[in-house]
Amino acid sequence: MKNKKEHPEHIIKHAQSAEHHDEKVVAGDHNKEIEDLKKKLEEKEKEAAANYDKYLRAAADLDNYKKRASKDKSDIIKYGKEDIIRDILPFMDSLDRALEHDTGDIQTFKDGIALIQNQLLCCLKKHGVERIETAGADFDPNFHEALMQVESDQYKDNKIVNEMEKGYLLNGRLIRPSRVCVCKKTKKENNDVCEKNEETEE
């Protein structure tokens, strides 16, 4: 009889012990899971900090690049013509010497100026600048600007009679048109053309 009474107590104790063991296992699993999560969180925090540091460095580099690019652009605008100015300065020296040298001979002075002009044109050509040739050319609105028209028997219609201001190209692109005087047919030539047309019609 006594054994029968102790048996249920033993079962209860065993059950409680099992429950307690299960709780320990569950608690252990939870603790392990929490530790794993903490480790992962720490890793992600380090990764985030490293990425933020990289971002700050990249932003600083970009800001520095923008400042350098802005300064370089400013310097190009400010000093971009330095090469051509250096090449032109010797002609200023030649002009200074020509003005200081007084021979009293106008022709010699003009020849000296013409020589300096040719040297300057060669310098400009080195930098892609060329004169537009108009001698004996037909009027072309792409390169010429007609300031006036004259009637002339010596030139054909639409031919350039005179150049008032020279035009220039920079690497093939027009930077200033030649300002010219253009020939138009005289009344006599127009009458001759009309008479020829009438004769052919008859």
Protein backbone atom coordinates (compact mmCIF):
# COMPACT_ATOMS: atom_id res chain seq x y z
CA MET A 1 0.00 0.00 0.00
CA LYS A 2 2.83 2.35 0.84
CA ASN A 3 4.52 1.70 -2.50
CA LYS A 4 1.36 2.53 -4.36
CA LYS A 5 1.21 5.97 -2.73
CA GLU A 6 4.88 6.79 -3.54
CA HIS A 7 4.58 5.81 -7.18
CA PRO A 8 2.58 8.85 -8.32
CA GLU A 9 4.91 11.17 -6.47
CA HIS A 10 7.83 9.62 -8.24
CA ILE A 11 6.09 10.14 -11.57
CA ILE A 12 5.39 13.79 -10.72
CA LYS A 13 9.00 14.34 -9.69
CA HIS A 14 10.22 12.68 -12.86
CA ALA A 15 7.83 14.80 -14.93
CA GLN A 16 8.96 17.95 -13.17
CA SER A 17 12.57 16.98 -13.69
CA ALA A 18 11.89 16.37 -17.39
CA GLU A 19 10.10 19.70 -17.70
CA HIS A 20 12.94 21.42 -15.93
CA HIS A 21 15.40 19.74 -18.29
CA ASP A 22 13.33 20.76 -21.32
CA GLU A 23 13.22 24.34 -20.03
CA LYS A 24 16.99 24.32 -19.67
CA VAL A 25 17.37 22.99 -23.24
CA VAL A 26 14.93 25.59 -24.59
CA ALA A 27 16.64 28.33 -22.57
CA GLY A 28 20.01 27.14 -23.84
CA ASP A 29 18.75 27.20 -27.43
CA HIS A 30 17.34 30.71 -26.90
CA ASN A 31 20.61 31.89 -25.38
CA LYS A 32 22.58 30.41 -28.28
CA GLU A 33 20.21 32.01 -30.79
CA ILE A 34 20.52 35.38 -29.01
CA GLU A 35 24.32 35.10 -29.01
CA ASP A 36 24.30 34.27 -32.73
CA LEU A 37 22.03 37.23 -33.42
CA LYS A 38 24.26 39.51 -31.36
CA LYS A 39 27.31 38.35 -33.33
CA LYS A 40 25.51 38.91 -36.62
CA LEU A 41 24.33 42.32 -35.44
CA GLU A 42 27.88 43.27 -34.45
CA GLU A 43 29.16 42.11 -37.86
CA LYS A 44 26.46 44.11 -39.67
CA GLU A 45 27.19 47.18 -37.52
CA LYS A 46 30.89 46.90 -38.40
CA GLU A 47 29.99 46.43 -42.08
CA ALA A 48 27.64 49.44 -41.94
CA ALA A 49 30.34 51.55 -40.25
CA ALA A 50 32.88 50.50 -42.92
CA ASN A 51 30.41 51.29 -45.71
CA TYR A 52 29.61 54.67 -44.16
CA ASP A 53 33.33 55.42 -43.91
CA LYS A 54 33.73 54.47 -47.59
CA TYR A 55 30.78 56.72 -48.47
CA LEU A 56 32.32 59.66 -46.59
CA ARG A 57 35.65 59.11 -48.35
CA ALA A 58 33.95 58.83 -51.76
CA ALA A 59 31.91 61.99 -51.08
CA ALA A 60 35.09 63.85 -50.03
CA ASP A 61 36.95 62.58 -53.14
CA LEU A 62 34.07 63.67 -55.38
CA ASP A 63 33.99 67.10 -53.74
CA ASN A 64 37.76 67.46 -54.21
CA TYR A 65 37.46 66.32 -57.84
CA LYS A 66 34.74 68.91 -58.51
CA LYS A 67 36.92 71.64 -56.99
CA ARG A 68 39.95 70.54 -59.06
CA ALA A 69 37.85 70.31 -62.25
CA SER A 70 36.39 73.77 -61.61
CA LYS A 71 39.88 75.21 -61.04
CA ASP A 72 41.25 73.46 -64.15
CA LYS A 73 38.37 74.81 -66.23
CA SER A 74 38.95 78.29 -64.85
CA ASP A 75 42.68 78.03 -65.65
CA ILE A 76 41.95 76.81 -69.20
CA ILE A 77 39.65 79.78 -69.79
CA LYS A 78 42.12 82.17 -68.18
CA TYR A 79 45.37 80.86 -69.68
CA GLY A 80 44.17 78.83 -72.71
CA LYS A 81 45.49 81.42 -75.18
CA GLU A 82 48.98 81.41 -73.65
CA ASP A 83 50.59 79.45 -76.52
CA ILE A 84 49.34 81.76 -79.26
CA ILE A 85 50.22 84.87 -77.20
CA ARG A 86 53.78 83.56 -76.76
CA ASP A 87 54.04 83.01 -80.52
CA ILE A 88 52.73 86.52 -81.27
CA LEU A 89 55.01 88.39 -78.82
CA PRO A 90 58.11 88.20 -81.11
CA PHE A 91 56.16 90.14 -83.76
CA MET A 92 55.48 92.86 -81.22
CA ASP A 93 59.26 92.99 -80.64
CA SER A 94 59.83 93.25 -84.41
CA LEU A 95 57.30 96.08 -84.66
CA ASP A 96 58.97 97.88 -81.76
CA ARG A 97 62.36 97.62 -83.51
CA ALA A 98 60.84 98.76 -86.84
CA LEU A 99 59.34 101.83 -85.18
CA GLU A 100 62.62 102.66 -83.40
CA HIS A 101 64.68 102.27 -86.58
CA ASP A 102 64.35 105.41 -88.68
CA THR A 103 65.95 105.04 -92.13
CA GLY A 104 63.98 107.81 -93.75
CA ASP A 105 63.16 105.39 -96.60
CA ILE A 106 59.41 104.73 -96.79
CA GLN A 107 59.76 101.73 -99.10
CA THR A 108 62.25 100.01 -96.79
CA PHE A 109 59.89 100.61 -93.86
CA LYS A 110 56.95 99.16 -95.84
CA ASP A 111 59.01 96.13 -96.86
CA GLY A 112 59.90 95.54 -93.20
CA ILE A 113 56.24 95.76 -92.16
CA ALA A 114 55.26 93.34 -94.99
CA LEU A 115 57.89 90.88 -93.76
CA ILE A 116 56.52 91.06 -90.20
CA GLN A 117 52.99 90.59 -91.57
CA ASN A 118 54.03 87.43 -93.45
CA GLN A 119 55.71 86.05 -90.32
CA LEU A 120 52.53 86.76 -88.35
CA LEU A 121 50.39 84.98 -90.96
CA CYS A 122 52.69 81.94 -90.72
CA CYS A 123 52.29 82.00 -86.94
CA LEU A 124 48.49 82.18 -87.24
CA LYS A 125 48.54 79.32 -89.77
CA LYS A 126 50.43 77.23 -87.20
CA HIS A 127 47.42 77.73 -84.90
CA GLY A 128 44.89 76.82 -87.63
CA VAL A 129 44.07 80.38 -88.81
CA GLU A 130 43.99 80.96 -92.59
CA ARG A 131 43.02 83.87 -94.79
CA ILE A 132 40.15 83.51 -97.23
CA GLU A 133 41.46 84.12 -100.73
CA THR A 134 39.16 86.37 -102.78
CA ALA A 135 41.29 87.31 -105.80
CA GLY A 136 39.34 86.36 -108.96
CA ALA A 137 36.78 84.43 -106.91
CA ASP A 138 33.01 84.31 -107.34
CA PHE A 139 30.95 85.78 -104.52
CA ASP A 140 30.09 83.05 -101.99
CA PRO A 141 27.75 84.07 -99.13
CA ASN A 142 29.25 81.27 -97.01
CA PHE A 143 32.60 83.09 -96.90
CA HIS A 144 31.97 86.63 -98.19
CA GLU A 145 29.90 89.59 -97.07
CA ALA A 146 28.93 91.98 -99.89
CA LEU A 147 29.19 95.57 -98.73
CA MET A 148 28.38 97.00 -102.15
CA GLN A 149 27.78 96.17 -105.83
CA VAL A 150 29.34 97.97 -108.79
CA GLU A 151 28.77 97.87 -112.52
CA SER A 152 31.94 96.98 -114.37
CA ASP A 153 32.93 95.85 -117.87
CA GLN A 154 36.18 94.37 -116.58
CA TYR A 155 34.59 91.65 -114.39
CA LYS A 156 31.95 89.00 -114.94
CA ASP A 157 28.68 89.11 -113.04
CA ASN A 158 28.95 88.06 -109.39
CA LYS A 159 32.78 88.27 -109.38
CA ILE A 160 34.56 89.96 -106.50
CA VAL A 161 35.90 93.31 -107.64
CA ASN A 162 37.58 94.49 -104.48
CA GLU A 163 38.28 93.24 -100.96
CA MET A 164 37.71 95.81 -98.22
CA GLU A 165 38.44 93.59 -95.23
CA LYS A 166 40.08 90.18 -95.24
CA GLY A 167 38.24 87.14 -93.91
CA TYR A 168 39.66 84.29 -91.83
CA LEU A 169 38.99 80.61 -91.11
CA LEU A 170 39.91 78.76 -87.93
CA ASN A 171 40.53 75.07 -88.69
CA GLY A 172 38.13 75.36 -91.63
CA ARG A 173 35.40 77.19 -89.71
CA LEU A 174 34.52 80.77 -90.59
CA ILE A 175 35.46 83.25 -87.87
CA ARG A 176 35.15 86.38 -90.01
CA PRO A 177 33.83 86.73 -93.58
CA SER A 178 35.69 88.69 -96.23
CA ARG A 179 33.97 92.05 -96.79
CA VAL A 180 33.91 92.63 -100.52
CA CYS A 181 32.62 94.65 -103.42
CA VAL A 182 30.80 92.52 -106.03
CA CYS A 183 30.36 93.09 -109.75
CA LYS A 184 26.93 93.15 -111.34
CA LYS A 185 26.22 93.20 -115.08
CA THR A 186 26.23 96.61 -116.72
CA LYS A 187 23.19 97.89 -118.61
CA LYS A 188 25.08 97.41 -121.87
CA GLU A 189 25.71 93.70 -121.07
CA ASN A 190 22.07 93.25 -120.09
CA ASN A 191 20.94 94.81 -123.38
CA ASP A 192 23.32 92.54 -125.32
CA VAL A 193 21.89 89.48 -123.54
CA CYS A 194 18.31 90.62 -124.32
CA GLU A 195 19.20 91.18 -128.02
CA LYS A 196 20.79 87.71 -128.26
CA ASN A 197 17.68 86.18 -126.70
CA GLU A 198 15.45 88.01 -129.20
CA GLU A 199 17.60 86.84 -132.14
CA THR A 200 17.39 83.22 -131.02
CA GLU A 201 13.62 83.49 -130.64
CA GLU A 202 13.30 84.77 -134.26
